Amino acid sequence: MTVKTQITFRDFLMFHLKNSLVRFIIYPIIISVFLSINLYNAENDSSEFLRLITICVLIFFVFMIVRTYFSLKNIFYSNKQVQEAISYTFTNENVYTKGETFEGDFTWNTVYKVKENKDWFLIYQSAQVMNMVQKKYFAEDQILELRNIIKSNNVKAKLRND
C-alpha cells in the first residue's frame, strides 16, 4: 500500500498546537499558584492581586503562543525534507519512504511505537524521532489495512477504533 503525502506549515503548526494544549493550560496555572502564594505571604489587597494575576497570565499566554509560532516556523522552514512530498509504502515487513531528496526504509520490528490520533499516524523510530503521516491522504480501507499491518507486527501502538 502506497500513500503520497505533503505536510504544509499550517498542518505542522496545528499538529503542534493541539499537542501542546496541556502546556498552554498548565503553565498559567503554575504561575497563578506561585502568585497566589506570594499574595498570601504579602497579604496585599486581593482585587489588585487578581488584576495582576490576570494580566500576568494573559501576557504569558500570548508570549507562549507567539514564541511557539515562530519556533515552529523556524523548525519547519529550516528542514526541507519535512516540506517535501513524501511517498510511504507500507508492507507487512517494512516501511519505505521516498521524498524528493531522500529515500529510506525501516522494518516494523525497529519501530519504537505508533500513535494514531484523529488526523495523523505518528510512527516513532525512537522516543524523539517520528514520521508524521497525515490520514487525509489515506482511503478508509487503507487506514484499516495499516492498522492491521501494525497489529500483525506486534508494534507497541495506540490505535483508534473508528
Protein backbone atom coordinates (compact mmCIF):
# COMPACT_ATOMS: atom_id res chain seq x y z
CA MET A 1 0.00 0.00 0.00
CA THR A 2 1.44 3.37 -1.02
CA VAL A 3 0.34 6.78 0.28
CA LYS A 4 1.64 10.10 -1.05
CA THR A 5 1.70 12.93 1.50
CA GLN A 6 2.87 16.51 1.91
CA ILE A 7 2.86 18.47 5.14
CA THR A 8 2.13 22.19 4.91
CA PHE A 9 3.22 24.71 7.53
CA ARG A 10 -0.42 25.06 8.61
CA ASP A 11 -0.67 21.27 9.16
CA PHE A 12 2.61 21.30 11.09
CA LEU A 13 1.53 24.26 13.23
CA MET A 14 -1.92 22.85 14.04
CA PHE A 15 -0.43 19.46 14.95
CA HIS A 16 1.96 21.04 17.44
CA LEU A 17 -0.58 23.46 18.89
CA LYS A 18 -3.06 20.63 19.54
CA ASN A 19 -0.35 18.53 21.15
CA SER A 20 0.88 21.45 23.26
CA LEU A 21 -2.52 22.34 24.65
CA VAL A 22 -1.66 20.90 28.07
CA ARG A 23 1.40 23.14 28.23
CA PHE A 24 -0.74 26.18 27.43
CA ILE A 25 -3.04 25.32 30.35
CA ILE A 26 -0.57 24.03 32.96
CA TYR A 27 1.97 26.89 32.82
CA PRO A 28 -0.58 29.65 33.52
CA ILE A 29 -1.95 27.59 36.42
CA ILE A 30 1.56 27.24 37.87
CA ILE A 31 2.11 30.98 37.55
CA SER A 32 -1.24 31.67 39.24
CA VAL A 33 -0.37 29.35 42.14
CA PHE A 34 3.04 30.99 42.54
CA LEU A 35 1.49 34.46 42.55
CA SER A 36 -1.21 33.32 44.98
CA ILE A 37 1.43 32.10 47.41
CA ASN A 38 3.14 35.47 47.16
CA LEU A 39 -0.18 37.23 47.87
CA TYR A 40 -0.80 35.05 50.88
CA ASN A 41 2.65 35.85 52.23
CA ALA A 42 2.42 39.58 51.49
CA GLU A 43 -1.27 39.95 52.49
CA ASN A 44 -1.96 42.55 49.77
CA ASP A 45 -5.31 43.82 48.55
CA SER A 46 -6.99 40.88 46.76
CA SER A 47 -8.67 42.91 43.97
CA GLU A 48 -5.34 44.40 42.98
CA PHE A 49 -3.78 40.95 43.13
CA LEU A 50 -6.46 39.39 40.89
CA ARG A 51 -5.87 42.10 38.33
CA LEU A 52 -2.13 41.41 38.49
CA ILE A 53 -2.63 37.66 38.05
CA THR A 54 -4.97 38.17 35.10
CA ILE A 55 -2.53 40.47 33.34
CA CYS A 56 0.44 38.18 34.01
CA VAL A 57 -1.39 35.06 32.82
CA LEU A 58 -2.61 36.82 29.65
CA ILE A 59 0.85 38.16 28.86
CA PHE A 60 2.39 34.75 29.46
CA PHE A 61 -0.25 33.02 27.33
CA VAL A 62 0.29 35.43 24.41
CA PHE A 63 4.06 35.07 24.78
CA MET A 64 3.82 31.27 24.64
CA ILE A 65 1.66 31.31 21.52
CA VAL A 66 3.89 33.83 19.70
CA ARG A 67 7.06 32.00 20.75
CA THR A 68 5.63 28.65 19.67
CA TYR A 69 4.55 30.04 16.30
CA PHE A 70 7.98 31.46 15.46
CA SER A 71 9.84 28.40 16.78
CA LEU A 72 7.70 26.06 14.68
CA LYS A 73 8.05 28.30 11.64
CA ASN A 74 11.83 28.15 12.00
CA ILE A 75 11.81 24.36 12.51
CA PHE A 76 9.54 23.76 9.53
CA TYR A 77 11.26 26.04 7.02
CA SER A 78 14.79 25.02 8.05
CA ASN A 79 14.07 21.32 7.34
CA LYS A 80 13.49 20.90 3.60
CA GLN A 81 12.73 17.17 3.95
CA VAL A 82 9.67 17.90 6.09
CA GLN A 83 8.31 20.15 3.34
CA GLU A 84 8.78 17.63 0.52
CA ALA A 85 6.13 15.41 -1.00
CA ILE A 86 6.78 12.06 0.66
CA SER A 87 5.60 8.68 -0.54
CA TYR A 88 5.15 5.99 2.13
CA THR A 89 4.89 2.35 1.11
CA PHE A 90 3.68 0.10 3.91
CA THR A 91 4.23 -3.65 3.65
CA ASN A 92 3.95 -6.39 6.23
CA GLU A 93 7.72 -6.26 6.75
CA ASN A 94 8.85 -2.68 6.03
CA VAL A 95 8.02 0.97 5.68
CA TYR A 96 9.61 2.60 2.63
CA THR A 97 9.87 6.38 2.48
CA LYS A 98 10.74 8.37 -0.63
CA GLY A 99 10.96 12.12 -0.82
CA GLU A 100 12.27 14.43 -3.49
CA THR A 101 15.81 14.41 -2.00
CA PHE A 102 15.90 11.21 0.06
CA GLU A 103 14.68 7.66 0.36
CA GLY A 104 14.91 5.08 3.06
CA ASP A 105 13.25 2.18 4.75
CA PHE A 106 12.91 0.55 8.12
CA THR A 107 11.39 -2.67 9.37
CA TRP A 108 8.39 -2.81 11.65
CA ASN A 109 10.42 -4.57 14.36
CA THR A 110 12.62 -1.46 14.67
CA VAL A 111 9.64 0.85 15.24
CA TYR A 112 9.60 2.21 18.78
CA LYS A 113 5.81 2.81 18.82
CA VAL A 114 2.90 4.07 16.74
CA LYS A 115 0.28 6.58 17.85
CA GLU A 116 -2.86 7.30 15.90
CA ASN A 117 -5.00 10.33 16.53
CA LYS A 118 -7.88 11.84 14.59
CA ASP A 119 -5.67 13.31 11.85
CA TRP A 120 -2.30 11.54 11.97
CA PHE A 121 -0.37 8.31 12.22
CA LEU A 122 2.80 9.01 14.19
CA ILE A 123 5.38 6.31 13.58
CA TYR A 124 8.14 6.69 16.17
CA GLN A 125 11.56 5.36 15.20
CA SER A 126 12.82 6.36 18.67
CA ALA A 127 11.41 8.27 21.63
CA GLN A 128 12.13 11.59 19.84
CA VAL A 129 12.16 10.80 16.09
CA MET A 130 8.90 10.16 14.26
CA ASN A 131 7.36 10.05 10.83
CA MET A 132 4.20 12.15 10.70
CA VAL A 133 1.75 10.66 8.20
CA GLN A 134 -1.49 12.57 7.67
CA LYS A 135 -4.60 10.43 7.47
CA LYS A 136 -6.29 12.76 4.96
CA TYR A 137 -4.17 11.12 2.25
CA PHE A 138 -5.49 7.62 3.08
CA ALA A 139 -8.61 5.97 1.76
CA GLU A 140 -10.75 4.45 4.52
CA ASP A 141 -9.73 0.89 3.61
CA GLN A 142 -6.04 1.93 3.66
CA ILE A 143 -6.40 3.17 7.25
CA LEU A 144 -7.84 -0.20 8.25
CA GLU A 145 -5.10 -2.01 6.33
CA LEU A 146 -2.35 0.00 8.05
CA ARG A 147 -3.87 -0.69 11.46
CA ASN A 148 -3.87 -4.41 10.64
CA ILE A 149 -0.23 -4.29 9.49
CA ILE A 150 0.75 -2.55 12.73
CA LYS A 151 -1.17 -5.06 14.87
CA SER A 152 0.18 -8.08 12.97
CA ASN A 153 3.75 -6.90 13.60
CA ASN A 154 3.13 -6.55 17.35
CA VAL A 155 4.26 -2.94 17.33
CA LYS A 156 3.57 -1.05 20.55
CA ALA A 157 0.66 1.11 19.39
CA LYS A 158 -2.24 3.28 20.43
CA LEU A 159 -4.70 2.96 17.56
CA ARG A 160 -8.21 4.30 17.17
CA ASN A 161 -11.24 2.04 16.82
CA ASP A 162 -13.24 4.07 14.31
